[in-house]
Protein backbone atom coordinates (compact mmCIF):
# COMPACT_ATOMS: atom_id res chain seq x y z
CA MET A 1 169.81 -26.02 159.76
CA ALA A 2 172.31 -25.47 162.84
CA ARG A 3 170.69 -26.24 166.36
CA LEU A 4 170.07 -23.11 168.20
CA THR A 5 170.65 -22.92 171.74
CA PRO A 6 167.63 -21.57 174.05
CA ALA A 7 167.66 -18.21 175.52
CA LEU A 8 168.94 -18.08 179.14
CA ARG A 9 166.33 -17.22 181.64
CA VAL A 10 166.96 -16.14 185.20
CA ARG A 11 164.22 -16.82 187.57
CA PRO A 12 163.12 -14.19 190.05
CA GLY A 13 164.19 -16.44 193.14
CA ARG A 14 167.49 -17.15 191.60
CA GLY A 15 168.02 -13.60 190.79
CA VAL A 16 167.37 -12.68 194.53
CA VAL A 17 169.75 -15.26 195.86
CA LEU A 18 172.58 -14.11 193.18
CA LEU A 19 171.83 -10.39 194.42
CA VAL A 20 172.39 -11.23 198.06
CA ALA A 21 175.44 -13.60 197.34
CA ALA A 22 177.03 -10.68 195.38
CA VAL A 23 176.24 -8.36 198.21
CA TYR A 24 177.73 -10.69 200.74
CA PHE A 25 180.81 -11.00 199.08
CA LEU A 26 181.46 -7.87 197.17
CA VAL A 27 180.75 -5.25 200.21
CA PRO A 28 183.49 -6.37 202.48
CA LEU A 29 185.76 -6.72 199.52
CA ALA A 30 184.88 -3.15 198.63
CA ALA A 31 185.46 -2.16 202.17
CA SER A 32 188.66 -3.82 202.10
CA VAL A 33 189.98 -2.09 198.96
CA LEU A 34 188.89 1.24 200.20
CA PHE A 35 190.88 0.73 203.16
CA THR A 36 194.07 0.01 201.46
CA ILE A 37 193.79 2.99 199.10
CA ASP A 38 191.96 5.67 201.44
CA VAL A 39 194.86 6.99 203.66
CA PRO A 40 193.82 9.75 205.92
CA GLY A 41 195.48 13.11 205.23
CA ARG A 42 196.58 12.11 202.01
CA GLY A 43 193.61 10.94 199.88
CA LEU A 44 193.34 8.16 197.57
CA THR A 45 196.73 6.41 196.99
CA PHE A 46 197.85 2.92 195.88
CA ASP A 47 201.15 2.82 197.80
CA ALA A 48 200.10 -0.11 199.74
CA TYR A 49 199.93 -2.35 196.44
CA THR A 50 203.31 -0.70 194.84
CA GLU A 51 205.07 -1.27 198.07
CA LEU A 52 204.32 -5.01 198.06
CA LEU A 53 206.96 -6.32 195.54
CA GLY A 54 209.66 -4.24 197.81
CA ALA A 55 208.05 -5.53 200.99
CA GLU A 56 210.61 -7.83 203.24
CA GLY A 57 209.58 -11.40 202.66
CA PHE A 58 206.77 -11.16 200.23
CA LEU A 59 208.48 -13.03 197.30
CA THR A 60 210.23 -15.42 199.38
CA SER A 61 207.27 -16.65 201.05
CA LEU A 62 205.11 -16.28 198.22
CA LEU A 63 207.46 -18.73 196.44
CA LEU A 64 207.78 -21.22 199.29
CA SER A 65 204.05 -21.53 199.38
CA LEU A 66 203.78 -22.13 195.70
CA GLU A 67 206.63 -24.60 195.87
CA LEU A 68 204.90 -26.33 198.63
CA ALA A 69 201.73 -26.46 196.58
CA ALA A 70 203.24 -27.59 193.68
CA ALA A 71 204.87 -30.71 195.58
CA THR A 72 201.76 -31.17 197.36
CA ILE A 73 199.73 -31.49 194.18
CA ALA A 74 202.19 -33.75 192.81
CA LEU A 75 202.19 -35.99 195.81
CA VAL A 76 198.68 -36.58 196.73
CA LEU A 77 197.70 -37.12 192.81
CA LEU A 78 200.45 -39.57 192.54
CA LEU A 79 199.19 -41.32 195.80
CA MET A 80 195.31 -40.93 195.14
CA VAL A 81 194.77 -41.40 191.21
CA PRO A 82 195.98 -44.97 190.92
CA ALA A 83 194.67 -45.94 194.46
CA MET A 84 191.18 -44.66 193.17
CA VAL A 85 191.55 -46.39 189.81
CA ALA A 86 192.54 -49.59 191.39
CA LEU A 87 189.57 -49.47 193.75
CA ARG A 88 186.98 -48.79 191.23
CA LEU A 89 188.44 -51.72 188.84
CA GLY A 90 189.10 -54.46 191.54
CA ALA A 91 187.65 -53.60 194.87
CA PRO A 92 184.60 -51.59 194.63
CA ARG A 93 183.06 -52.73 197.81
CA LEU A 94 186.18 -50.93 199.74
CA ARG A 95 184.84 -47.67 198.62
CA PRO A 96 183.22 -46.95 201.83
CA VAL A 97 186.26 -47.79 203.81
CA VAL A 98 188.62 -45.75 201.89
CA GLU A 99 186.13 -42.78 201.93
CA VAL A 100 186.09 -42.94 205.67
CA VAL A 101 189.88 -42.97 205.97
CA CYS A 102 190.35 -40.02 203.44
CA SER A 103 187.60 -38.07 205.70
CA LEU A 104 189.52 -38.53 209.06
CA PRO A 105 191.52 -35.23 208.29
CA LEU A 106 188.35 -33.40 208.52
CA VAL A 107 187.50 -35.09 212.05
CA VAL A 108 191.00 -34.68 213.59
CA PRO A 109 191.35 -30.77 214.65
CA PRO A 110 194.55 -29.26 213.02
CA ILE A 111 195.82 -27.95 216.25
CA ALA A 112 195.91 -31.96 217.20
CA PHE A 113 197.22 -33.04 214.07
CA VAL A 114 200.23 -30.39 214.11
CA ALA A 115 200.80 -31.45 217.73
CA GLY A 116 201.37 -34.83 216.98
CA ILE A 117 203.69 -34.11 214.13
CA ALA A 118 205.70 -31.91 216.50
CA SER A 119 206.10 -34.38 219.16
CA VAL A 120 207.21 -36.84 216.31
CA LEU A 121 209.81 -34.41 215.22
CA THR A 122 210.96 -33.71 218.77
CA TRP A 123 211.53 -37.21 219.65
CA GLY A 124 213.20 -38.39 216.53
CA PRO A 125 216.42 -36.29 217.06
CA GLU A 126 216.73 -37.49 220.69
CA HIS A 127 216.14 -41.20 219.86
CA LEU A 128 217.93 -41.72 216.62
CA SER A 129 220.99 -39.20 216.87
CA ARG A 130 223.27 -42.19 216.21
CA THR A 131 221.18 -43.48 213.10
CA PRO A 132 221.03 -42.64 209.61
CA LEU A 133 217.52 -41.54 210.19
CA PHE A 134 218.65 -38.57 211.95
CA GLN A 135 219.63 -36.84 208.88
CA THR A 136 216.08 -37.54 207.50
CA PHE A 137 214.45 -35.65 210.30
CA VAL A 138 216.80 -32.59 209.76
CA ALA A 139 216.58 -32.65 205.92
CA VAL A 140 212.20 -32.73 206.41
CA GLN A 141 213.01 -29.75 208.34
CA ASN A 142 214.78 -27.54 206.06
CA PRO A 143 213.51 -23.88 206.53
CA ASP A 144 214.10 -23.47 202.48
CA PHE A 145 211.89 -26.29 201.51
CA PRO A 146 210.08 -27.81 204.44
CA VAL A 147 209.21 -31.36 203.46
CA VAL A 148 207.22 -32.08 206.71
CA LEU A 149 204.57 -29.36 205.58
CA VAL A 150 204.44 -31.20 201.79
CA LEU A 151 203.56 -34.40 203.86
CA ALA A 152 201.25 -32.48 206.36
CA TYR A 153 199.30 -30.93 203.61
CA THR A 154 199.19 -34.28 201.74
CA VAL A 155 197.31 -35.51 204.52
CA MET A 156 194.89 -32.60 204.98
CA ALA A 157 193.95 -32.65 201.21
CA LEU A 158 193.02 -36.08 201.19
CA PRO A 159 189.13 -35.42 201.68
CA PHE A 160 188.97 -32.77 199.11
CA VAL A 161 191.08 -34.66 196.52
CA HIS A 162 189.34 -38.00 197.12
CA ARG A 163 185.82 -36.47 196.63
CA ALA A 164 186.91 -34.55 193.41
CA LEU A 165 188.53 -38.02 191.97
CA ASP A 166 185.49 -39.92 192.89
CA ALA A 167 182.91 -37.57 191.28
CA GLY A 168 185.27 -37.79 188.22
CA LEU A 169 185.61 -41.48 188.10
CA ARG A 170 181.87 -41.89 188.66
CA ALA A 171 181.24 -40.19 185.34
CA VAL A 172 183.64 -42.43 183.55
CA ASP A 173 183.35 -45.91 182.52
CA VAL A 174 186.91 -46.70 183.57
CA PRO A 175 186.46 -50.63 183.27
CA THR A 176 185.62 -50.33 179.56
CA LEU A 177 188.19 -47.65 178.86
CA VAL A 178 190.81 -49.95 180.49
CA GLU A 179 189.70 -53.08 178.75
CA ALA A 180 189.59 -51.56 175.38
CA ALA A 181 193.49 -50.02 175.99
CA ARG A 182 194.36 -53.47 177.22
CA ASN A 183 193.11 -54.95 173.82
CA CYS A 184 194.72 -52.68 171.82
CA GLY A 185 198.03 -53.84 173.42
CA ALA A 186 198.68 -51.23 176.29
CA ASN A 187 199.96 -52.15 179.47
CA TRP A 188 198.44 -51.02 182.65
CA PRO A 189 200.52 -47.87 183.13
CA ARG A 190 199.95 -46.82 179.51
CA ALA A 191 196.46 -47.52 179.89
CA LEU A 192 195.92 -45.26 182.78
CA LEU A 193 197.82 -42.65 181.13
CA ARG A 194 196.18 -42.75 177.83
CA ALA A 195 193.00 -43.79 178.49
CA VAL A 196 191.74 -42.99 181.70
CA LEU A 197 193.47 -39.55 182.86
CA PRO A 198 192.49 -37.33 179.64
CA ASN A 199 188.75 -38.37 180.62
CA LEU A 200 189.66 -37.02 184.24
CA ARG A 201 190.71 -33.83 183.31
CA GLY A 202 188.42 -32.01 185.10
CA ALA A 203 188.28 -34.02 188.21
CA LEU A 204 192.30 -33.68 188.27
CA LEU A 205 192.04 -29.76 187.86
CA ASN A 206 189.58 -29.51 190.49
CA ALA A 207 191.75 -31.53 193.11
CA SER A 208 194.53 -29.45 192.10
CA PHE A 209 192.93 -26.13 192.58
CA LEU A 210 191.55 -27.39 196.00
CA THR A 211 194.84 -28.42 197.12
CA LEU A 212 196.48 -25.02 195.81
CA ALA A 213 193.94 -23.27 197.76
CA LEU A 214 194.51 -25.25 200.82
CA VAL A 215 198.14 -24.80 200.79
CA LEU A 216 197.96 -21.03 200.18
CA GLY A 217 195.71 -20.49 203.07
CA GLU A 218 196.98 -23.01 205.56
CA PHE A 219 198.40 -21.07 208.82
CA THR A 220 198.12 -23.37 211.91
CA VAL A 221 200.36 -26.13 210.88
CA ALA A 222 203.09 -23.78 209.32
CA GLN A 223 203.21 -21.23 212.42
CA ILE A 224 203.13 -23.91 215.06
CA LEU A 225 206.12 -25.64 213.32
CA LYS A 226 207.84 -22.26 212.83
CA PHE A 227 208.02 -22.13 209.12
CA ARG A 228 206.99 -19.04 207.14
CA PRO A 229 205.17 -19.24 204.05
CA PHE A 230 202.82 -16.90 202.67
CA ALA A 231 199.92 -17.23 205.03
CA VAL A 232 202.12 -16.85 207.92
CA TRP A 233 203.88 -13.77 206.31
CA ILE A 234 200.61 -12.25 205.90
CA VAL A 235 199.81 -12.60 209.41
CA GLY A 236 202.98 -11.49 210.98
CA ILE A 237 202.96 -8.33 208.56
CA GLY A 238 199.65 -7.46 209.81
CA GLY A 239 200.57 -6.56 213.23
CA SER A 240 202.85 -3.78 211.90
CA GLN A 241 201.48 -2.54 208.46
CA ALA A 242 197.76 -3.24 208.57
CA GLN A 243 197.03 -1.58 204.84
CA LEU A 244 199.82 -3.77 203.35
CA SER A 245 198.64 -7.02 204.95
CA VAL A 246 194.84 -5.95 203.51
CA ALA A 247 196.42 -5.18 200.19
CA VAL A 248 198.23 -8.61 200.27
CA SER A 249 194.87 -10.29 200.85
CA VAL A 250 193.02 -8.65 198.43
CA LEU A 251 195.57 -9.42 195.77
CA SER A 252 195.59 -13.19 197.10
CA LEU A 253 191.84 -13.03 196.71
CA PHE A 254 192.01 -11.77 193.09
CA VAL A 255 194.59 -14.23 192.12
CA THR A 256 192.64 -17.10 193.55
CA TRP A 257 189.50 -15.88 191.43
CA LEU A 258 191.80 -15.80 188.22
CA LEU A 259 193.04 -19.48 188.99
CA LEU A 260 189.37 -20.56 189.34
CA LEU A 261 188.43 -18.81 186.19
CA GLY A 262 191.47 -20.47 184.50
CA LEU A 263 190.50 -23.91 186.02
CA ALA A 264 186.91 -23.29 184.62
CA PHE A 265 188.18 -22.68 181.07
CA ALA A 266 190.90 -25.41 181.06
CA GLY A 267 188.66 -27.93 182.31
CA ALA A 268 185.69 -27.32 179.70
CA ARG A 269 185.71 -29.58 177.09
CA PRO A 270 185.54 -28.29 173.46
CA ALA A 271 181.95 -28.27 172.43
CA ALA A 272 180.93 -30.73 169.66
CA PRO A 273 180.48 -29.39 166.23
CA THR A 274 177.16 -28.65 165.31
CA THR A 275 175.76 -30.38 161.98
CA THR A 276 174.08 -28.43 159.26
CA GLU A 277 171.60 -30.17 156.92
CA LYS A 278 171.21 -28.84 153.69
């Protein structure tokens, strides 16, 4: 006979917590939506949402943020995945040291971090104007795709990516997987790609989502360095078009929720088939 799953039971205490959390999150969201669609003297209208696509700078800033997010995700995973796997295989005693180093962005205030970046960007062209590095300082500050933001976001994402990957690696017997792949004739890169990474799918997706959320919502670094990604555009437009700004924020929140649901479904492993006894 097929195994039946037990019915889900919601305890009273858990139900109260869920209800309070729902009220805490949904009431401000409902107020924001009402503010965007209730126009004094005109009644209910969705003009704030229909005007988004035609708003100046909307698509440009959104595409820039998505490009920065994709580049940041690729760079931080390229740096952290091999480092974390090598740490678990060859030097597990150094894990506390790496954890402390990756947690430093949480200790350093963003304003101090970006002040240091701005100082370096100001110092570089003045002292390296006659060297080939001058063009490098110019290239990393290209407004069409500011590489300096990718580097800054990579550093800021290290704590979240480290936690996600560390949790995933703790649930996987990496030495056994690598040894089995090596015994089958795979080299080290192939063993990492074919044996380890498929078992870290959930951790990789969690790290990617956290990095995406960080890049889409980051304001301080981009504003001080005078770039205009999506978060800076939202704040800038809020001073002149309040309803449009709130409408963008509401849509951003819904998009984030959709990404989270997509992440949950993509990271869920298929359930093992149930066996039946005749």
